[in-house]
N, C-alpha and C. Protein backbone atom coordinates (compact mmCIF):
# COMPACT_ATOMS: atom_id res chain seq x y z
N MET A 1 0.84 -1.19 0.00
CA MET A 1 0.00 0.00 0.00
C MET A 1 0.88 1.24 0.00
N TYR A 2 0.55 2.20 -0.87
CA TYR A 2 1.24 3.48 -0.91
C TYR A 2 0.47 4.51 -0.11
N ALA A 3 1.19 5.40 0.57
CA ALA A 3 0.62 6.58 1.18
C ALA A 3 1.09 7.77 0.35
N ILE A 4 0.16 8.55 -0.17
CA ILE A 4 0.50 9.72 -0.98
C ILE A 4 -0.01 10.94 -0.22
N VAL A 5 0.90 11.82 0.16
CA VAL A 5 0.59 12.93 1.06
C VAL A 5 0.94 14.25 0.37
N GLY A 6 0.02 15.21 0.42
CA GLY A 6 0.26 16.54 -0.14
C GLY A 6 0.44 17.56 0.97
N LEU A 7 1.47 18.39 0.85
CA LEU A 7 1.78 19.37 1.89
C LEU A 7 1.12 20.72 1.63
N GLY A 8 0.80 21.40 2.72
CA GLY A 8 0.20 22.73 2.64
C GLY A 8 -0.11 23.23 4.04
N ASN A 9 -0.76 24.37 4.11
CA ASN A 9 -1.20 24.94 5.38
C ASN A 9 -2.72 24.90 5.44
N PRO A 10 -3.28 24.69 6.64
CA PRO A 10 -4.75 24.64 6.76
C PRO A 10 -5.37 26.03 6.70
N GLY A 11 -6.62 26.09 6.32
CA GLY A 11 -7.37 27.33 6.34
C GLY A 11 -7.58 27.92 4.95
N GLU A 12 -8.74 28.56 4.80
CA GLU A 12 -9.12 29.15 3.51
C GLU A 12 -8.12 30.17 3.01
N ALA A 13 -7.50 30.89 3.91
CA ALA A 13 -6.56 31.95 3.52
C ALA A 13 -5.36 31.39 2.74
N TYR A 14 -5.06 30.11 2.92
CA TYR A 14 -3.87 29.53 2.28
C TYR A 14 -4.19 28.64 1.08
N GLU A 15 -5.47 28.38 0.84
CA GLU A 15 -5.87 27.41 -0.19
C GLU A 15 -5.24 27.65 -1.55
N ALA A 16 -5.21 28.88 -1.99
CA ALA A 16 -4.75 29.19 -3.36
C ALA A 16 -3.29 29.63 -3.41
N THR A 17 -2.55 29.43 -2.32
CA THR A 17 -1.16 29.89 -2.29
C THR A 17 -0.22 28.88 -2.94
N ARG A 18 0.96 29.38 -3.26
CA ARG A 18 2.00 28.54 -3.87
C ARG A 18 2.38 27.38 -2.94
N HIS A 19 2.39 27.64 -1.65
CA HIS A 19 2.82 26.63 -0.67
C HIS A 19 1.83 25.48 -0.57
N ASN A 20 0.62 25.64 -1.13
CA ASN A 20 -0.41 24.61 -0.99
C ASN A 20 -0.64 23.79 -2.25
N VAL A 21 0.29 23.83 -3.20
CA VAL A 21 0.07 23.04 -4.42
C VAL A 21 0.06 21.54 -4.13
N GLY A 22 0.76 21.10 -3.10
CA GLY A 22 0.71 19.68 -2.72
C GLY A 22 -0.70 19.26 -2.35
N TRP A 23 -1.39 20.09 -1.57
CA TRP A 23 -2.79 19.83 -1.22
C TRP A 23 -3.65 19.77 -2.47
N LYS A 24 -3.44 20.75 -3.35
CA LYS A 24 -4.25 20.86 -4.56
C LYS A 24 -4.16 19.57 -5.39
N VAL A 25 -2.97 19.01 -5.48
CA VAL A 25 -2.77 17.77 -6.25
C VAL A 25 -3.53 16.61 -5.60
N ILE A 26 -3.45 16.50 -4.28
CA ILE A 26 -4.14 15.39 -3.59
C ILE A 26 -5.65 15.53 -3.72
N ILE A 27 -6.17 16.74 -3.61
CA ILE A 27 -7.62 16.95 -3.75
C ILE A 27 -8.06 16.53 -5.16
N GLN A 28 -7.28 16.91 -6.17
CA GLN A 28 -7.63 16.52 -7.54
C GLN A 28 -7.50 15.02 -7.74
N ALA A 29 -6.45 14.41 -7.18
CA ALA A 29 -6.28 12.96 -7.28
C ALA A 29 -7.46 12.24 -6.65
N ALA A 30 -7.91 12.71 -5.49
CA ALA A 30 -9.06 12.09 -4.81
C ALA A 30 -10.30 12.14 -5.70
N ARG A 31 -10.52 13.27 -6.37
CA ARG A 31 -11.67 13.38 -7.29
C ARG A 31 -11.53 12.40 -8.44
N GLN A 32 -10.37 12.41 -9.08
CA GLN A 32 -10.16 11.55 -10.26
C GLN A 32 -10.22 10.07 -9.92
N TRP A 33 -9.73 9.71 -8.75
CA TRP A 33 -9.67 8.30 -8.38
C TRP A 33 -10.85 7.87 -7.51
N ALA A 34 -11.85 8.75 -7.37
CA ALA A 34 -13.07 8.46 -6.60
C ALA A 34 -12.76 8.00 -5.17
N ILE A 35 -11.88 8.75 -4.51
CA ILE A 35 -11.52 8.48 -3.12
C ILE A 35 -12.09 9.61 -2.27
N LYS A 36 -12.91 9.26 -1.30
CA LYS A 36 -13.51 10.25 -0.42
C LYS A 36 -12.55 10.56 0.72
N LEU A 37 -12.25 11.85 0.88
CA LEU A 37 -11.37 12.28 1.97
C LEU A 37 -12.22 12.74 3.14
N THR A 38 -11.90 12.22 4.34
CA THR A 38 -12.60 12.63 5.56
C THR A 38 -11.56 12.96 6.62
N GLU A 39 -11.96 13.82 7.54
CA GLU A 39 -11.03 14.21 8.60
C GLU A 39 -10.90 13.07 9.60
N GLN A 40 -9.65 12.63 9.78
CA GLN A 40 -9.33 11.58 10.75
C GLN A 40 -8.03 11.98 11.43
N GLY A 41 -8.09 12.23 12.71
CA GLY A 41 -6.89 12.64 13.43
C GLY A 41 -6.37 13.96 12.88
N ALA A 42 -5.09 13.96 12.51
CA ALA A 42 -4.42 15.19 12.09
C ALA A 42 -4.42 15.39 10.58
N SER A 43 -5.28 14.65 9.86
CA SER A 43 -5.28 14.82 8.40
C SER A 43 -6.64 14.48 7.79
N LEU A 44 -6.84 15.00 6.58
CA LEU A 44 -7.90 14.49 5.73
C LEU A 44 -7.31 13.25 5.08
N GLN A 45 -8.07 12.17 5.02
CA GLN A 45 -7.52 10.95 4.42
C GLN A 45 -8.62 10.08 3.83
N GLY A 46 -8.20 9.22 2.92
CA GLY A 46 -9.13 8.29 2.30
C GLY A 46 -8.35 7.17 1.62
N THR A 47 -8.98 6.03 1.49
CA THR A 47 -8.33 4.88 0.86
C THR A 47 -9.04 4.49 -0.43
N GLY A 48 -8.29 3.85 -1.30
CA GLY A 48 -8.82 3.39 -2.57
C GLY A 48 -7.80 2.54 -3.28
N HIS A 49 -7.97 2.43 -4.60
CA HIS A 49 -7.06 1.62 -5.41
C HIS A 49 -6.70 2.35 -6.70
N LEU A 50 -5.48 2.12 -7.14
CA LEU A 50 -5.05 2.48 -8.50
C LEU A 50 -4.80 1.16 -9.19
N GLY A 51 -5.72 0.74 -10.03
CA GLY A 51 -5.63 -0.62 -10.57
C GLY A 51 -5.77 -1.58 -9.41
N THR A 52 -4.75 -2.42 -9.21
CA THR A 52 -4.77 -3.36 -8.09
C THR A 52 -3.98 -2.85 -6.89
N GLU A 53 -3.36 -1.68 -7.04
CA GLU A 53 -2.51 -1.13 -5.98
C GLU A 53 -3.34 -0.36 -4.96
N PRO A 54 -3.38 -0.83 -3.69
CA PRO A 54 -4.11 -0.08 -2.67
C PRO A 54 -3.33 1.18 -2.30
N ILE A 55 -4.05 2.28 -2.07
CA ILE A 55 -3.40 3.53 -1.70
C ILE A 55 -4.20 4.24 -0.61
N VAL A 56 -3.51 5.08 0.12
CA VAL A 56 -4.16 6.02 1.04
C VAL A 56 -3.68 7.41 0.66
N LEU A 57 -4.62 8.33 0.52
CA LEU A 57 -4.30 9.72 0.27
C LEU A 57 -4.40 10.48 1.58
N GLY A 58 -3.48 11.42 1.79
CA GLY A 58 -3.49 12.20 3.02
C GLY A 58 -3.18 13.66 2.79
N VAL A 59 -3.88 14.50 3.52
CA VAL A 59 -3.62 15.94 3.52
C VAL A 59 -3.50 16.35 4.99
N PRO A 60 -2.27 16.51 5.50
CA PRO A 60 -2.12 16.91 6.90
C PRO A 60 -2.82 18.23 7.18
N LEU A 61 -3.48 18.32 8.33
CA LEU A 61 -4.19 19.53 8.74
C LEU A 61 -3.38 20.35 9.73
N THR A 62 -2.10 20.04 9.81
CA THR A 62 -1.17 20.78 10.67
C THR A 62 -0.53 21.90 9.86
N TRP A 63 0.12 22.84 10.55
CA TRP A 63 0.91 23.84 9.85
C TRP A 63 2.07 23.15 9.16
N MET A 64 2.55 23.74 8.10
CA MET A 64 3.59 23.14 7.28
C MET A 64 4.78 22.65 8.11
N ASN A 65 5.26 23.47 9.04
CA ASN A 65 6.46 23.09 9.79
C ASN A 65 6.18 22.04 10.87
N GLN A 66 4.92 21.56 10.98
CA GLN A 66 4.57 20.50 11.92
C GLN A 66 4.01 19.27 11.20
N THR A 67 4.26 19.19 9.92
CA THR A 67 3.70 18.13 9.08
C THR A 67 4.20 16.74 9.47
N GLY A 68 5.42 16.66 9.95
CA GLY A 68 6.05 15.37 10.19
C GLY A 68 5.28 14.43 11.08
N TRP A 69 4.78 14.94 12.20
CA TRP A 69 4.09 14.03 13.12
C TRP A 69 2.77 13.54 12.52
N ALA A 70 2.11 14.38 11.68
CA ALA A 70 0.86 13.95 11.04
C ALA A 70 1.14 12.85 10.01
N VAL A 71 2.23 12.99 9.26
CA VAL A 71 2.61 11.97 8.28
C VAL A 71 2.99 10.68 8.98
N LYS A 72 3.75 10.80 10.05
CA LYS A 72 4.15 9.60 10.81
C LYS A 72 2.91 8.88 11.36
N ALA A 73 1.95 9.65 11.87
CA ALA A 73 0.71 9.04 12.40
C ALA A 73 -0.04 8.30 11.30
N LEU A 74 -0.08 8.87 10.09
CA LEU A 74 -0.77 8.23 8.97
C LEU A 74 -0.09 6.91 8.60
N LEU A 75 1.25 6.93 8.52
CA LEU A 75 1.98 5.70 8.20
C LEU A 75 1.76 4.63 9.27
N THR A 76 1.75 5.04 10.54
CA THR A 76 1.53 4.10 11.64
C THR A 76 0.12 3.53 11.58
N GLN A 77 -0.86 4.38 11.34
CA GLN A 77 -2.26 3.96 11.28
C GLN A 77 -2.47 2.85 10.24
N TYR A 78 -1.83 2.99 9.08
CA TYR A 78 -2.04 2.02 8.00
C TYR A 78 -0.89 1.01 7.88
N ASP A 79 0.05 1.06 8.82
CA ASP A 79 1.20 0.15 8.84
C ASP A 79 1.94 0.16 7.49
N ILE A 80 2.29 1.38 7.04
CA ILE A 80 2.98 1.56 5.76
C ILE A 80 4.43 1.91 6.04
N GLU A 81 5.35 1.21 5.38
CA GLU A 81 6.76 1.51 5.53
C GLU A 81 7.12 2.75 4.72
N THR A 82 8.16 3.44 5.15
CA THR A 82 8.49 4.74 4.54
C THR A 82 8.81 4.64 3.06
N GLN A 83 9.33 3.52 2.58
CA GLN A 83 9.64 3.42 1.14
C GLN A 83 8.39 3.42 0.27
N TYR A 84 7.20 3.31 0.89
CA TYR A 84 5.94 3.39 0.17
C TYR A 84 5.21 4.72 0.41
N LEU A 85 5.97 5.70 0.87
CA LEU A 85 5.45 7.05 1.07
C LEU A 85 5.85 7.92 -0.12
N ILE A 86 4.90 8.70 -0.63
CA ILE A 86 5.16 9.70 -1.67
C ILE A 86 4.68 11.03 -1.13
N VAL A 87 5.57 12.02 -1.10
CA VAL A 87 5.24 13.35 -0.58
C VAL A 87 5.20 14.33 -1.75
N VAL A 88 4.12 15.08 -1.84
CA VAL A 88 3.91 16.06 -2.92
C VAL A 88 4.03 17.46 -2.31
N TYR A 89 4.91 18.30 -2.87
CA TYR A 89 5.11 19.62 -2.29
C TYR A 89 5.69 20.60 -3.32
N ASP A 90 5.66 21.88 -2.94
CA ASP A 90 6.13 22.96 -3.79
C ASP A 90 7.66 23.07 -3.75
N ASP A 91 8.25 23.53 -4.87
CA ASP A 91 9.70 23.68 -4.95
C ASP A 91 10.06 25.00 -5.62
N LEU A 92 10.78 25.84 -4.89
CA LEU A 92 11.21 27.15 -5.40
C LEU A 92 12.22 27.04 -6.53
N ASP A 93 12.95 25.94 -6.58
CA ASP A 93 14.03 25.81 -7.56
C ASP A 93 13.58 25.25 -8.91
N LEU A 94 12.28 25.01 -9.05
CA LEU A 94 11.73 24.59 -10.33
C LEU A 94 10.78 25.68 -10.83
N ASN A 95 10.84 25.97 -12.11
CA ASN A 95 9.91 26.95 -12.70
C ASN A 95 8.47 26.47 -12.58
N VAL A 96 7.55 27.41 -12.51
CA VAL A 96 6.13 27.07 -12.55
C VAL A 96 5.90 26.24 -13.82
N GLY A 97 5.23 25.11 -13.66
CA GLY A 97 4.99 24.23 -14.80
C GLY A 97 5.86 23.00 -14.82
N ARG A 98 6.93 23.00 -14.03
CA ARG A 98 7.81 21.84 -13.97
C ARG A 98 7.43 20.93 -12.82
N ILE A 99 7.57 19.63 -13.00
CA ILE A 99 7.47 18.68 -11.90
C ILE A 99 8.72 17.80 -11.93
N ARG A 100 9.09 17.31 -10.78
CA ARG A 100 10.25 16.43 -10.70
C ARG A 100 10.02 15.38 -9.63
N ILE A 101 10.22 14.14 -10.01
CA ILE A 101 10.12 13.02 -9.08
C ILE A 101 11.53 12.71 -8.59
N LYS A 102 11.65 12.49 -7.31
CA LYS A 102 12.97 12.22 -6.72
C LYS A 102 12.81 11.19 -5.62
N GLN A 103 13.82 10.37 -5.47
CA GLN A 103 13.88 9.44 -4.36
C GLN A 103 14.99 9.90 -3.43
N ARG A 104 14.71 9.95 -2.18
CA ARG A 104 15.67 10.29 -1.15
C ARG A 104 16.15 11.74 -1.27
N GLY A 105 16.95 12.16 -0.32
CA GLY A 105 17.52 13.49 -0.33
C GLY A 105 17.14 14.29 0.90
N GLY A 106 17.67 15.51 0.95
CA GLY A 106 17.44 16.40 2.09
C GLY A 106 16.19 17.25 1.92
N ALA A 107 16.07 18.23 2.82
CA ALA A 107 14.88 19.08 2.84
C ALA A 107 14.95 20.19 1.79
N GLY A 108 16.14 20.56 1.37
CA GLY A 108 16.27 21.61 0.37
C GLY A 108 15.65 22.93 0.82
N GLY A 109 15.65 23.19 2.14
CA GLY A 109 15.09 24.43 2.66
C GLY A 109 13.58 24.43 2.85
N HIS A 110 12.92 23.30 2.57
CA HIS A 110 11.46 23.23 2.71
C HIS A 110 11.11 22.77 4.12
N ASN A 111 10.39 23.63 4.87
CA ASN A 111 10.09 23.33 6.27
C ASN A 111 9.20 22.10 6.45
N GLY A 112 8.26 21.89 5.55
CA GLY A 112 7.41 20.71 5.65
C GLY A 112 8.20 19.43 5.47
N LEU A 113 9.08 19.43 4.49
CA LEU A 113 9.91 18.25 4.25
C LEU A 113 10.89 18.03 5.40
N ARG A 114 11.43 19.11 5.92
CA ARG A 114 12.33 19.00 7.07
C ARG A 114 11.61 18.35 8.25
N SER A 115 10.36 18.74 8.49
CA SER A 115 9.58 18.18 9.58
C SER A 115 9.35 16.68 9.38
N ILE A 116 9.09 16.28 8.14
CA ILE A 116 8.89 14.85 7.84
C ILE A 116 10.19 14.07 8.06
N LEU A 117 11.30 14.61 7.58
CA LEU A 117 12.60 13.94 7.76
C LEU A 117 12.92 13.79 9.24
N ASP A 118 12.63 14.81 10.05
CA ASP A 118 12.89 14.74 11.49
C ASP A 118 11.99 13.69 12.15
N ALA A 119 10.72 13.65 11.77
CA ALA A 119 9.77 12.72 12.40
C ALA A 119 10.04 11.27 12.03
N LEU A 120 10.39 11.04 10.76
CA LEU A 120 10.57 9.67 10.29
C LEU A 120 12.00 9.16 10.52
N GLN A 121 12.93 10.08 10.69
CA GLN A 121 14.34 9.73 10.87
C GLN A 121 14.89 8.91 9.70
N THR A 122 14.38 9.19 8.51
CA THR A 122 14.88 8.56 7.28
C THR A 122 14.50 9.45 6.10
N ASP A 123 15.29 9.34 5.03
CA ASP A 123 14.94 10.05 3.79
C ASP A 123 14.48 9.06 2.73
N GLU A 124 14.17 7.85 3.16
CA GLU A 124 13.80 6.77 2.24
C GLU A 124 12.32 6.84 1.88
N PHE A 125 11.97 7.86 1.08
CA PHE A 125 10.62 7.99 0.54
C PHE A 125 10.71 8.81 -0.73
N SER A 126 9.69 8.69 -1.56
CA SER A 126 9.68 9.41 -2.85
C SER A 126 9.07 10.79 -2.68
N ARG A 127 9.46 11.67 -3.59
CA ARG A 127 8.92 13.02 -3.59
C ARG A 127 8.44 13.37 -4.99
N LEU A 128 7.38 14.13 -5.05
CA LEU A 128 6.95 14.76 -6.30
C LEU A 128 6.98 16.26 -6.03
N LYS A 129 7.97 16.91 -6.63
CA LYS A 129 8.17 18.34 -6.42
C LYS A 129 7.49 19.11 -7.55
N ILE A 130 6.79 20.18 -7.19
CA ILE A 130 6.06 20.99 -8.15
C ILE A 130 6.64 22.40 -8.14
N GLY A 131 7.06 22.85 -9.31
CA GLY A 131 7.70 24.15 -9.41
C GLY A 131 6.78 25.32 -9.12
N ILE A 132 7.28 26.23 -8.29
CA ILE A 132 6.56 27.48 -8.03
C ILE A 132 7.43 28.69 -8.39
N SER A 133 8.64 28.46 -8.87
CA SER A 133 9.61 29.50 -9.23
C SER A 133 10.06 30.28 -7.99
N ARG A 134 11.15 31.02 -8.15
CA ARG A 134 11.68 31.87 -7.08
C ARG A 134 11.09 33.26 -7.19
N PRO A 135 11.01 33.95 -6.05
CA PRO A 135 10.50 35.33 -6.11
C PRO A 135 11.53 36.25 -6.78
N PRO A 136 11.09 37.40 -7.22
CA PRO A 136 12.04 38.37 -7.75
C PRO A 136 13.09 38.72 -6.69
N VAL A 137 14.28 39.06 -7.12
CA VAL A 137 15.37 39.41 -6.21
C VAL A 137 14.91 40.53 -5.29
N GLY A 138 15.16 40.34 -4.00
CA GLY A 138 14.77 41.34 -3.00
C GLY A 138 13.45 41.05 -2.32
N ASP A 139 12.60 40.22 -2.93
CA ASP A 139 11.32 39.86 -2.31
C ASP A 139 11.54 38.79 -1.23
N ASP A 140 10.73 38.84 -0.20
CA ASP A 140 10.83 37.90 0.90
C ASP A 140 10.27 36.52 0.49
N VAL A 141 11.07 35.48 0.69
CA VAL A 141 10.66 34.13 0.28
C VAL A 141 9.43 33.66 1.07
N ALA A 142 9.39 33.94 2.37
CA ALA A 142 8.25 33.50 3.20
C ALA A 142 6.95 34.14 2.71
N ASP A 143 7.00 35.41 2.37
CA ASP A 143 5.80 36.07 1.83
C ASP A 143 5.43 35.50 0.47
N TYR A 144 6.44 35.22 -0.34
CA TYR A 144 6.22 34.74 -1.70
C TYR A 144 5.51 33.38 -1.71
N VAL A 145 5.97 32.42 -0.89
CA VAL A 145 5.35 31.09 -0.91
C VAL A 145 3.91 31.13 -0.40
N LEU A 146 3.58 32.17 0.38
CA LEU A 146 2.21 32.32 0.89
C LEU A 146 1.37 33.24 0.02
N SER A 147 1.89 33.56 -1.17
CA SER A 147 1.14 34.39 -2.12
C SER A 147 0.44 33.51 -3.14
N ALA A 148 -0.56 34.09 -3.81
CA ALA A 148 -1.29 33.38 -4.86
C ALA A 148 -0.49 33.39 -6.16
N PHE A 149 -0.80 32.47 -7.04
CA PHE A 149 -0.21 32.48 -8.37
C PHE A 149 -0.75 33.68 -9.14
N THR A 150 0.06 34.17 -10.07
CA THR A 150 -0.38 35.29 -10.90
C THR A 150 -1.45 34.81 -11.88
N PRO A 151 -2.23 35.72 -12.45
CA PRO A 151 -3.22 35.31 -13.45
C PRO A 151 -2.60 34.52 -14.61
N ALA A 152 -1.40 34.88 -15.02
CA ALA A 152 -0.73 34.15 -16.12
C ALA A 152 -0.32 32.74 -15.69
N GLU A 153 -0.03 32.56 -14.39
CA GLU A 153 0.42 31.26 -13.89
C GLU A 153 -0.74 30.31 -13.60
N ILE A 154 -1.94 30.82 -13.38
CA ILE A 154 -3.07 29.97 -12.95
C ILE A 154 -3.36 28.85 -13.95
N PRO A 155 -3.46 29.10 -15.27
CA PRO A 155 -3.70 27.97 -16.17
C PRO A 155 -2.51 27.01 -16.24
N ILE A 156 -1.31 27.52 -16.03
CA ILE A 156 -0.12 26.65 -16.04
C ILE A 156 -0.17 25.71 -14.85
N ILE A 157 -0.49 26.25 -13.67
CA ILE A 157 -0.51 25.41 -12.47
C ILE A 157 -1.68 24.43 -12.52
N ALA A 158 -2.78 24.81 -13.16
CA ALA A 158 -3.91 23.87 -13.33
C ALA A 158 -3.47 22.67 -14.17
N ASP A 159 -2.77 22.93 -15.27
CA ASP A 159 -2.26 21.85 -16.11
C ASP A 159 -1.22 21.02 -15.36
N THR A 160 -0.37 21.70 -14.59
CA THR A 160 0.67 21.02 -13.82
C THR A 160 0.05 20.10 -12.77
N THR A 161 -1.05 20.53 -12.17
CA THR A 161 -1.75 19.71 -11.19
C THR A 161 -2.26 18.43 -11.84
N THR A 162 -2.83 18.55 -13.03
CA THR A 162 -3.33 17.38 -13.76
C THR A 162 -2.18 16.43 -14.11
N ARG A 163 -1.07 16.97 -14.60
CA ARG A 163 0.09 16.13 -14.92
C ARG A 163 0.67 15.48 -13.68
N SER A 164 0.60 16.20 -12.55
CA SER A 164 1.11 15.65 -11.29
C SER A 164 0.30 14.44 -10.85
N VAL A 165 -1.01 14.49 -11.03
CA VAL A 165 -1.86 13.33 -10.70
C VAL A 165 -1.47 12.14 -11.58
N SER A 166 -1.24 12.38 -12.86
CA SER A 166 -0.79 11.31 -13.76
C SER A 166 0.56 10.76 -13.33
N ALA A 167 1.46 11.65 -12.91
CA ALA A 167 2.77 11.22 -12.44
C ALA A 167 2.66 10.35 -11.19
N LEU A 168 1.75 10.72 -10.27
CA LEU A 168 1.54 9.91 -9.07
C LEU A 168 1.02 8.53 -9.41
N GLU A 169 0.09 8.48 -10.35
CA GLU A 169 -0.46 7.19 -10.76
C GLU A 169 0.64 6.30 -11.34
N CYS A 170 1.50 6.88 -12.17
CA CYS A 170 2.61 6.13 -12.75
C CYS A 170 3.58 5.69 -11.66
N LEU A 171 3.89 6.58 -10.74
CA LEU A 171 4.83 6.27 -9.67
C LEU A 171 4.33 5.11 -8.81
N ALA A 172 3.04 5.12 -8.48
CA ALA A 172 2.48 4.08 -7.60
C ALA A 172 2.25 2.75 -8.31
N THR A 173 2.01 2.79 -9.62
CA THR A 173 1.68 1.53 -10.32
C THR A 173 2.82 0.98 -11.17
N ARG A 174 3.73 1.86 -11.62
CA ARG A 174 4.80 1.40 -12.50
C ARG A 174 6.20 1.62 -11.95
N GLY A 175 6.29 2.31 -10.81
CA GLY A 175 7.56 2.46 -10.13
C GLY A 175 8.28 3.76 -10.44
N PRO A 176 9.24 4.11 -9.56
CA PRO A 176 9.91 5.39 -9.69
C PRO A 176 10.76 5.54 -10.94
N ALA A 177 11.43 4.51 -11.38
CA ALA A 177 12.30 4.63 -12.56
C ALA A 177 11.51 5.06 -13.79
N GLU A 178 10.39 4.38 -14.03
CA GLU A 178 9.57 4.71 -15.19
C GLU A 178 8.92 6.09 -15.04
N ALA A 179 8.46 6.40 -13.83
CA ALA A 179 7.84 7.70 -13.60
C ALA A 179 8.84 8.83 -13.81
N MET A 180 10.05 8.67 -13.31
CA MET A 180 11.08 9.70 -13.50
C MET A 180 11.41 9.86 -14.97
N ASN A 181 11.52 8.75 -15.68
CA ASN A 181 11.84 8.79 -17.11
C ASN A 181 10.75 9.53 -17.90
N LEU A 182 9.50 9.31 -17.55
CA LEU A 182 8.39 9.92 -18.28
C LEU A 182 8.12 11.37 -17.90
N PHE A 183 8.27 11.71 -16.61
CA PHE A 183 7.80 13.02 -16.15
C PHE A 183 8.91 14.02 -15.83
N ASN A 184 10.12 13.55 -15.49
CA ASN A 184 11.19 14.50 -15.17
C ASN A 184 11.74 15.19 -16.40
N THR A 185 11.55 14.61 -17.57
CA THR A 185 12.11 15.19 -18.79
C THR A 185 11.17 16.18 -19.46
N VAL A 186 9.91 16.19 -19.08
CA VAL A 186 8.93 17.08 -19.70
C VAL A 186 9.13 18.50 -19.19
N ASN A 187 9.27 19.43 -20.10
CA ASN A 187 9.43 20.85 -19.74
C ASN A 187 8.55 21.68 -20.65
N LEU A 188 7.25 21.64 -20.42
CA LEU A 188 6.30 22.31 -21.28
C LEU A 188 6.34 23.84 -21.17
N TYR A 189 6.85 24.33 -20.05
CA TYR A 189 6.78 25.77 -19.79
C TYR A 189 8.16 26.36 -19.55
N GLU A 190 9.06 26.08 -20.46
CA GLU A 190 10.46 26.55 -20.32
C GLU A 190 10.53 28.05 -20.08
N ASP A 191 9.64 28.79 -20.72
CA ASP A 191 9.70 30.25 -20.63
C ASP A 191 8.74 30.81 -19.58
N SER A 192 8.20 29.92 -18.72
CA SER A 192 7.24 30.43 -17.73
C SER A 192 7.97 31.32 -16.73
N PRO A 193 7.26 32.20 -16.07
CA PRO A 193 7.89 33.12 -15.12
C PRO A 193 8.50 32.37 -13.94
């Protein structure tokens, strides 16, 4: 069984922000895969199948920097080992429109990922990183990640969310090597802001 978790901050004020694209992907995946998400403990969660592969989707309801304990609780609840965890989150170092699948590694400055690494005490899980681009020079990064996408970026991020759901399906059913080969090389928005 795979656990697929999207990172973000709770509350309406954060729904449309760059930092919540992980949530957005999980919500869309739940719709596409007919998985009902309900509040259980520290997350919205639901179970279903991708083909014959059982999965649990999770959206932690904690603040981003406290995500780790919610993810650990989800894995414990369903008795899932960390190598079957996929974390979906925003990445400043990728342009809007880019996605990248990665296995293992550090936090790369992302507080939600740092919290997960601290809670699990391992980096042995997959990641699906979604590009949000860097702010203009001189702008505060914390303010930027909590800002909304620009009108020009909104259709790009909508398409990226759809491609991310396809990437998750490939990752869970066909494995990381094939998913990385298919989705890490796609760069539809080279000139995006």
